[in-house]
Amino acid sequence: MPTIEVTLGDTATGIGKVATVTLYNYPGVAQYRLLRVDGTALTGKVNVGSTVKVIFIQPGDQCKVELYSTSGDLMETKTVTTR
C-alpha cells in the first residue's frame, strides 16, 4: 500500500522546521512539493530523498504532498499529518 510520511525536525537556527518526506511504494516519483491544506505552497519542487526547510507548520498539522514523475508531471496529491 502506498504511504507518505512527513517528519519535521528543528532547524539549527530555530526558525521553521526541516521536513523529511519518506515515500513507500511510489515507483517513478522523482520530486515532491509540500503545500498547506488550503493549497498554499510551502515549498517548491524538491528531489525525492532531499530535505527541505518549511515555516508555519508544526508536528501534528496536516499538509498536502504533491508527487511528480521524472518528466515533471503531477502524479498524485495526498493529505498527510506531519510527525
N, C-alpha and C. Protein backbone atom coordinates (compact mmCIF):
# COMPACT_ATOMS: atom_id res chain seq x y z
N MET A 1 0.84 -1.18 0.00
CA MET A 1 0.00 0.00 0.00
C MET A 1 0.90 1.25 0.00
N PRO A 2 0.68 2.19 -0.92
CA PRO A 2 1.48 3.42 -0.95
C PRO A 2 1.26 4.27 0.30
N THR A 3 2.35 4.74 0.88
CA THR A 3 2.30 5.55 2.10
C THR A 3 3.29 6.70 1.99
N ILE A 4 2.91 7.85 2.55
CA ILE A 4 3.79 9.01 2.62
C ILE A 4 3.89 9.43 4.08
N GLU A 5 5.13 9.68 4.55
CA GLU A 5 5.35 10.23 5.88
C GLU A 5 6.06 11.56 5.74
N VAL A 6 5.62 12.55 6.51
CA VAL A 6 6.30 13.84 6.57
C VAL A 6 6.72 14.03 8.02
N THR A 7 8.03 14.03 8.25
CA THR A 7 8.59 14.18 9.59
C THR A 7 9.25 15.55 9.68
N LEU A 8 8.97 16.26 10.76
CA LEU A 8 9.52 17.60 10.97
C LEU A 8 10.53 17.59 12.11
N GLY A 9 11.66 18.24 11.90
CA GLY A 9 12.67 18.38 12.93
C GLY A 9 13.07 19.84 13.07
N ASP A 10 13.74 20.16 14.16
CA ASP A 10 14.16 21.53 14.40
C ASP A 10 15.31 21.91 13.47
N THR A 11 15.37 23.18 13.12
CA THR A 11 16.48 23.70 12.33
C THR A 11 17.56 24.20 13.29
N ALA A 12 18.76 24.40 12.79
CA ALA A 12 19.84 24.91 13.61
C ALA A 12 19.55 26.33 14.11
N THR A 13 18.81 27.10 13.33
CA THR A 13 18.50 28.48 13.72
C THR A 13 17.27 28.59 14.60
N GLY A 14 16.50 27.51 14.68
CA GLY A 14 15.26 27.54 15.45
C GLY A 14 14.11 28.19 14.70
N ILE A 15 14.34 28.59 13.44
CA ILE A 15 13.30 29.20 12.61
C ILE A 15 12.82 28.16 11.62
N GLY A 16 11.54 27.87 11.64
CA GLY A 16 10.99 26.87 10.73
C GLY A 16 11.32 25.47 11.19
N LYS A 17 11.05 24.53 10.32
CA LYS A 17 11.30 23.11 10.57
C LYS A 17 11.98 22.50 9.35
N VAL A 18 12.72 21.44 9.57
CA VAL A 18 13.28 20.66 8.47
C VAL A 18 12.31 19.53 8.19
N ALA A 19 11.79 19.48 6.98
CA ALA A 19 10.84 18.43 6.60
C ALA A 19 11.56 17.32 5.86
N THR A 20 11.30 16.09 6.28
CA THR A 20 11.78 14.91 5.59
C THR A 20 10.56 14.15 5.10
N VAL A 21 10.48 13.94 3.79
CA VAL A 21 9.36 13.22 3.19
C VAL A 21 9.85 11.83 2.82
N THR A 22 9.18 10.81 3.34
CA THR A 22 9.53 9.42 3.06
C THR A 22 8.38 8.79 2.28
N LEU A 23 8.70 8.21 1.14
CA LEU A 23 7.70 7.56 0.28
C LEU A 23 7.89 6.05 0.33
N TYR A 24 6.80 5.33 0.47
CA TYR A 24 6.80 3.87 0.44
C TYR A 24 5.90 3.42 -0.70
N ASN A 25 6.44 2.61 -1.60
CA ASN A 25 5.68 2.04 -2.73
C ASN A 25 5.17 3.10 -3.70
N TYR A 26 6.02 4.04 -4.04
CA TYR A 26 5.72 5.05 -5.05
C TYR A 26 6.78 5.02 -6.15
N PRO A 27 6.75 4.01 -6.99
CA PRO A 27 7.75 3.95 -8.07
C PRO A 27 7.54 5.07 -9.08
N GLY A 28 8.62 5.57 -9.62
CA GLY A 28 8.54 6.59 -10.65
C GLY A 28 8.42 8.01 -10.16
N VAL A 29 8.36 8.22 -8.85
CA VAL A 29 8.27 9.57 -8.31
C VAL A 29 9.69 10.14 -8.20
N ALA A 30 9.90 11.33 -8.76
CA ALA A 30 11.22 11.96 -8.75
C ALA A 30 11.28 13.18 -7.84
N GLN A 31 10.14 13.89 -7.70
CA GLN A 31 10.10 15.11 -6.90
C GLN A 31 8.80 15.19 -6.12
N TYR A 32 8.84 16.04 -5.09
CA TYR A 32 7.63 16.32 -4.32
C TYR A 32 7.55 17.81 -4.04
N ARG A 33 6.38 18.26 -3.62
CA ARG A 33 6.16 19.64 -3.20
C ARG A 33 5.20 19.60 -2.03
N LEU A 34 5.48 20.41 -1.00
CA LEU A 34 4.61 20.49 0.17
C LEU A 34 3.74 21.73 0.09
N LEU A 35 2.47 21.56 0.49
CA LEU A 35 1.50 22.66 0.49
C LEU A 35 0.69 22.62 1.77
N ARG A 36 0.15 23.77 2.12
CA ARG A 36 -0.84 23.81 3.21
C ARG A 36 -2.09 23.08 2.72
N VAL A 37 -2.96 22.73 3.62
CA VAL A 37 -4.20 22.05 3.26
C VAL A 37 -5.04 22.92 2.31
N ASP A 38 -4.94 24.25 2.45
CA ASP A 38 -5.71 25.14 1.58
C ASP A 38 -5.08 25.30 0.19
N GLY A 39 -3.93 24.65 -0.04
CA GLY A 39 -3.28 24.70 -1.35
C GLY A 39 -2.15 25.70 -1.47
N THR A 40 -1.91 26.50 -0.44
CA THR A 40 -0.80 27.45 -0.45
C THR A 40 0.53 26.69 -0.40
N ALA A 41 1.42 26.98 -1.33
CA ALA A 41 2.70 26.28 -1.41
C ALA A 41 3.58 26.59 -0.21
N LEU A 42 4.15 25.53 0.39
CA LEU A 42 5.15 25.67 1.45
C LEU A 42 6.56 25.56 0.88
N THR A 43 6.69 24.84 -0.24
CA THR A 43 7.99 24.64 -0.87
C THR A 43 7.82 24.64 -2.38
N GLY A 44 8.91 24.74 -3.08
CA GLY A 44 8.93 24.45 -4.50
C GLY A 44 9.11 22.96 -4.66
N LYS A 45 9.33 22.49 -5.88
CA LYS A 45 9.58 21.07 -6.10
C LYS A 45 10.95 20.71 -5.53
N VAL A 46 11.00 19.57 -4.84
CA VAL A 46 12.21 19.09 -4.18
C VAL A 46 12.45 17.66 -4.65
N ASN A 47 13.70 17.30 -4.90
CA ASN A 47 14.03 15.94 -5.31
C ASN A 47 13.75 14.95 -4.18
N VAL A 48 13.19 13.81 -4.52
CA VAL A 48 12.94 12.75 -3.55
C VAL A 48 14.27 12.39 -2.89
N GLY A 49 14.25 12.26 -1.57
CA GLY A 49 15.45 11.95 -0.82
C GLY A 49 16.11 13.18 -0.22
N SER A 50 15.66 14.37 -0.63
CA SER A 50 16.18 15.62 -0.09
C SER A 50 15.26 16.14 1.00
N THR A 51 15.85 16.84 1.96
CA THR A 51 15.05 17.51 2.98
C THR A 51 14.86 18.96 2.56
N VAL A 52 13.89 19.61 3.19
CA VAL A 52 13.59 21.00 2.84
C VAL A 52 13.15 21.74 4.10
N LYS A 53 13.49 23.03 4.17
CA LYS A 53 13.06 23.85 5.31
C LYS A 53 11.68 24.42 5.03
N VAL A 54 10.80 24.31 6.01
CA VAL A 54 9.45 24.86 5.90
C VAL A 54 9.17 25.72 7.11
N ILE A 55 8.31 26.72 6.93
CA ILE A 55 7.90 27.55 8.06
C ILE A 55 6.38 27.49 8.18
N PHE A 56 5.92 27.87 9.33
CA PHE A 56 4.48 27.93 9.62
C PHE A 56 3.81 26.55 9.59
N ILE A 57 4.52 25.53 9.98
CA ILE A 57 3.92 24.20 10.10
C ILE A 57 4.60 23.48 11.27
N GLN A 58 3.81 22.74 12.01
CA GLN A 58 4.29 22.07 13.21
C GLN A 58 3.91 20.59 13.17
N PRO A 59 4.59 19.73 13.93
CA PRO A 59 4.17 18.34 14.03
C PRO A 59 2.71 18.25 14.46
N GLY A 60 1.96 17.40 13.80
CA GLY A 60 0.53 17.24 14.07
C GLY A 60 -0.35 18.01 13.11
N ASP A 61 0.24 18.98 12.38
CA ASP A 61 -0.50 19.72 11.37
C ASP A 61 -0.68 18.85 10.13
N GLN A 62 -1.74 19.12 9.38
CA GLN A 62 -1.92 18.44 8.11
C GLN A 62 -1.32 19.28 6.99
N CYS A 63 -0.82 18.60 5.98
CA CYS A 63 -0.32 19.27 4.78
C CYS A 63 -0.61 18.38 3.59
N LYS A 64 -0.47 18.95 2.41
CA LYS A 64 -0.62 18.18 1.18
C LYS A 64 0.76 17.92 0.61
N VAL A 65 0.91 16.76 -0.01
CA VAL A 65 2.14 16.40 -0.70
C VAL A 65 1.79 16.11 -2.14
N GLU A 66 2.39 16.87 -3.06
CA GLU A 66 2.23 16.61 -4.49
C GLU A 66 3.43 15.79 -4.95
N LEU A 67 3.16 14.74 -5.70
CA LEU A 67 4.22 13.86 -6.20
C LEU A 67 4.35 14.03 -7.71
N TYR A 68 5.59 14.19 -8.19
CA TYR A 68 5.86 14.44 -9.60
C TYR A 68 6.74 13.35 -10.19
N SER A 69 6.47 13.00 -11.45
CA SER A 69 7.26 11.99 -12.17
C SER A 69 8.58 12.60 -12.64
N THR A 70 9.43 11.76 -13.21
CA THR A 70 10.71 12.23 -13.75
C THR A 70 10.52 13.23 -14.88
N SER A 71 9.38 13.18 -15.57
CA SER A 71 9.10 14.12 -16.65
C SER A 71 8.43 15.41 -16.13
N GLY A 72 8.21 15.49 -14.80
CA GLY A 72 7.62 16.69 -14.21
C GLY A 72 6.12 16.71 -14.13
N ASP A 73 5.48 15.60 -14.51
CA ASP A 73 4.02 15.52 -14.46
C ASP A 73 3.54 15.23 -13.04
N LEU A 74 2.46 15.90 -12.63
CA LEU A 74 1.85 15.63 -11.33
C LEU A 74 1.23 14.24 -11.36
N MET A 75 1.66 13.38 -10.44
CA MET A 75 1.17 12.01 -10.38
C MET A 75 0.03 11.84 -9.38
N GLU A 76 0.17 12.51 -8.22
CA GLU A 76 -0.81 12.33 -7.15
C GLU A 76 -0.64 13.43 -6.11
N THR A 77 -1.73 13.74 -5.41
CA THR A 77 -1.71 14.65 -4.28
C THR A 77 -2.36 13.94 -3.10
N LYS A 78 -1.66 13.93 -1.95
CA LYS A 78 -2.19 13.28 -0.75
C LYS A 78 -2.11 14.25 0.41
N THR A 79 -3.09 14.16 1.29
CA THR A 79 -3.07 14.93 2.54
C THR A 79 -2.53 14.02 3.63
N VAL A 80 -1.54 14.51 4.38
CA VAL A 80 -0.92 13.73 5.44
C VAL A 80 -0.81 14.57 6.70
N THR A 81 -0.71 13.90 7.84
CA THR A 81 -0.47 14.57 9.12
C THR A 81 1.01 14.48 9.41
N THR A 82 1.63 15.63 9.70
CA THR A 82 3.07 15.66 9.96
C THR A 82 3.37 15.06 11.34
N ARG A 83 4.60 14.54 11.43
CA ARG A 83 5.05 13.95 12.69
C ARG A 83 6.29 14.68 13.17
